[in-house]
């Protein structure tokens, strides 16, 4: 079984037991991480893509953190005697894939909150009436023309 997952704008094809270098993760060594963005999964020759793999996750254990080889970044402008030399070492995390499969759905049974009015009735208190909301707009009445006697 293999899966292709996405992490850090890169795609990785992994099987259970593979060790992969991924972008630096904010996890301790030995911690378990999950990669929920699985693009493709293959199980015994049956390839799943799209909505079929929405619930599939790749679970891995962080093995180590480190920095990659140094890359030289050299910028210059011709005939101007401008040169700039920089080095860069990309940080990474090494992870070992422990499982590929459906995410374990942990359902938490939360009790529904009882309405406040029901608790007040049980306690023998009368609940305060809720303020009524205005459903229509108040329309201004047209101004009446007032006739004034003409001065003669």
Protein backbone atom coordinates (compact mmCIF):
# COMPACT_ATOMS: atom_id res chain seq x y z
CA UNK A 1 0.00 0.00 0.00
CA UNK A 2 1.26 3.47 -0.82
CA UNK A 3 -0.04 7.01 -0.57
CA UNK A 4 0.90 10.35 -2.09
CA UNK A 5 0.56 13.23 0.36
CA UNK A 6 1.21 16.95 0.20
CA UNK A 7 3.37 18.91 2.65
CA UNK A 8 5.09 22.25 2.12
CA UNK A 9 4.04 22.47 -1.55
CA UNK A 10 5.82 19.20 -2.23
CA UNK A 11 4.35 15.77 -2.85
CA UNK A 12 5.76 12.57 -1.36
CA UNK A 13 5.02 8.97 -2.34
CA UNK A 14 5.38 6.78 0.75
CA UNK A 15 4.67 3.30 2.02
CA UNK A 16 4.53 2.06 5.61
CA UNK A 17 8.06 1.97 7.02
CA UNK A 18 9.53 4.59 4.64
CA UNK A 19 11.73 7.39 5.99
CA UNK A 20 11.23 10.77 4.29
CA UNK A 21 12.74 14.26 4.63
CA UNK A 22 9.93 16.84 4.79
CA UNK A 23 9.79 20.56 5.50
CA UNK A 24 10.66 21.45 9.10
CA UNK A 25 7.82 20.48 11.45
CA UNK A 26 7.06 22.09 14.79
CA UNK A 27 7.04 18.74 16.62
CA UNK A 28 9.39 17.11 19.10
CA UNK A 29 11.50 14.09 18.19
CA UNK A 30 9.45 10.96 18.80
CA UNK A 31 6.12 12.77 18.38
CA UNK A 32 3.45 11.38 16.08
CA UNK A 33 2.28 13.64 13.26
CA UNK A 34 -0.47 13.18 10.69
CA UNK A 35 -0.58 14.44 7.14
CA UNK A 36 -4.27 14.81 6.25
CA UNK A 37 -3.85 16.07 2.68
CA UNK A 38 -3.63 12.75 0.86
CA UNK A 39 -3.90 13.01 -2.91
CA UNK A 40 -3.82 9.33 -3.91
CA UNK A 41 -3.91 6.02 -2.06
CA UNK A 42 -3.35 2.51 -3.41
CA UNK A 43 -4.50 -0.58 -1.54
CA UNK A 44 -3.78 -3.94 -3.20
CA UNK A 45 -4.00 -2.57 -6.74
CA UNK A 46 -7.10 -0.42 -6.13
CA UNK A 47 -6.19 3.24 -6.64
CA UNK A 48 -8.32 5.83 -4.83
CA UNK A 49 -8.39 9.54 -5.68
CA UNK A 50 -10.55 12.60 -5.04
CA UNK A 51 -13.40 12.25 -2.58
CA UNK A 52 -12.51 8.59 -1.95
CA UNK A 53 -9.35 9.62 -0.05
CA UNK A 54 -10.76 12.54 1.98
CA UNK A 55 -10.68 10.47 5.18
CA UNK A 56 -7.30 8.83 4.52
CA UNK A 57 -4.36 10.17 6.55
CA UNK A 58 -0.67 9.35 6.66
CA UNK A 59 0.60 8.90 10.22
CA UNK A 60 4.33 9.28 10.86
CA UNK A 61 6.81 9.56 13.71
CA UNK A 62 9.39 12.36 13.81
CA UNK A 63 12.85 10.76 13.79
CA UNK A 64 15.12 13.83 13.65
CA UNK A 65 15.53 17.48 12.68
CA UNK A 66 18.42 18.90 10.71
CA UNK A 67 19.70 21.22 8.00
CA UNK A 68 20.36 20.28 4.40
CA UNK A 69 23.59 20.89 2.47
CA UNK A 70 24.61 24.50 1.95
CA UNK A 71 23.44 26.12 -1.25
CA UNK A 72 25.48 29.05 -2.58
CA UNK A 73 23.40 32.02 -3.74
CA UNK A 74 25.62 34.27 -5.88
CA UNK A 75 24.17 37.45 -7.35
CA UNK A 76 26.07 39.87 -9.53
CA UNK A 77 25.56 42.60 -12.08
CA UNK A 78 27.77 42.49 -15.14
CA UNK A 79 30.22 45.35 -15.69
CA UNK A 80 29.19 47.05 -12.42
CA UNK A 81 31.52 45.29 -9.95
CA UNK A 82 28.50 44.29 -7.81
CA UNK A 83 28.75 40.86 -6.26
CA UNK A 84 26.79 39.31 -3.41
CA UNK A 85 27.49 35.81 -2.09
CA UNK A 86 25.12 34.16 0.37
CA UNK A 87 24.70 30.67 1.70
CA UNK A 88 21.47 28.92 2.69
CA UNK A 89 20.79 25.69 4.56
CA UNK A 90 17.17 24.53 4.40
CA UNK A 91 15.85 23.04 7.66
CA UNK A 92 14.06 19.71 7.46
CA UNK A 93 12.48 16.98 9.59
CA UNK A 94 12.98 13.29 8.99
CA UNK A 95 9.82 11.26 9.55
CA UNK A 96 9.14 7.53 9.46
CA UNK A 97 5.72 6.50 8.15
CA UNK A 98 3.96 4.27 10.66
CA UNK A 99 0.47 3.91 9.17
CA UNK A 100 -1.61 4.77 6.14
CA UNK A 101 -5.35 4.53 6.46
CA UNK A 102 -8.63 6.09 7.44
CA UNK A 103 -8.62 8.64 10.23
CA UNK A 104 -9.98 7.32 13.47
CA UNK A 105 -13.19 9.16 14.08
CA UNK A 106 -13.42 9.86 17.77
CA UNK A 107 -16.97 10.83 18.52
CA UNK A 108 -17.43 12.90 21.59
CA UNK A 109 -20.88 12.61 23.01
CA UNK A 110 -21.68 16.10 24.14
CA UNK A 111 -24.87 16.71 26.04
CA UNK A 112 -27.13 19.28 24.56
CA UNK A 113 -27.42 22.39 26.64
CA UNK A 114 -30.86 22.78 28.10
CA UNK A 115 -32.60 26.03 27.35
CA UNK A 116 -32.44 28.55 30.16
CA UNK A 117 -36.22 28.91 30.24
CA UNK A 118 -36.67 25.21 31.09
CA UNK A 119 -34.30 25.45 34.05
CA UNK A 120 -36.14 28.52 35.36
CA UNK A 121 -39.52 26.78 35.14
CA UNK A 122 -38.17 23.76 37.02
CA UNK A 123 -36.82 26.02 39.74
CA UNK A 124 -40.24 27.65 40.12
CA UNK A 125 -39.16 31.02 38.81
CA UNK A 126 -40.92 32.85 36.02
CA UNK A 127 -38.60 33.50 33.11
CA UNK A 128 -38.22 37.05 31.88
CA UNK A 129 -39.91 37.56 28.52
CA UNK A 130 -37.55 38.02 25.62
CA UNK A 131 -37.69 41.40 23.89
CA UNK A 132 -39.66 41.29 20.68
CA UNK A 133 -37.81 41.94 17.50
CA UNK A 134 -39.19 44.27 14.89
CA UNK A 135 -39.95 42.36 11.71
CA UNK A 136 -41.14 45.24 9.54
CA UNK A 137 -39.66 48.60 8.94
CA UNK A 138 -41.47 51.61 10.25
CA UNK A 139 -42.53 53.73 7.29
CA UNK A 140 -42.61 57.48 7.73
CA UNK A 141 -45.96 59.08 7.00
CA UNK A 142 -46.00 61.55 4.14
CA UNK A 143 -45.94 65.20 5.19
CA UNK A 144 -49.31 66.93 5.08
CA UNK A 145 -49.60 70.18 3.22
CA UNK A 146 -50.58 72.97 5.58
CA UNK A 147 -52.46 75.87 4.09
CA UNK A 148 -51.66 79.24 5.48
CA UNK A 149 -54.10 82.10 5.03
CA UNK A 150 -52.80 84.52 2.50
CA UNK A 151 -52.18 88.03 3.69
CA UNK A 152 -54.41 90.43 1.83
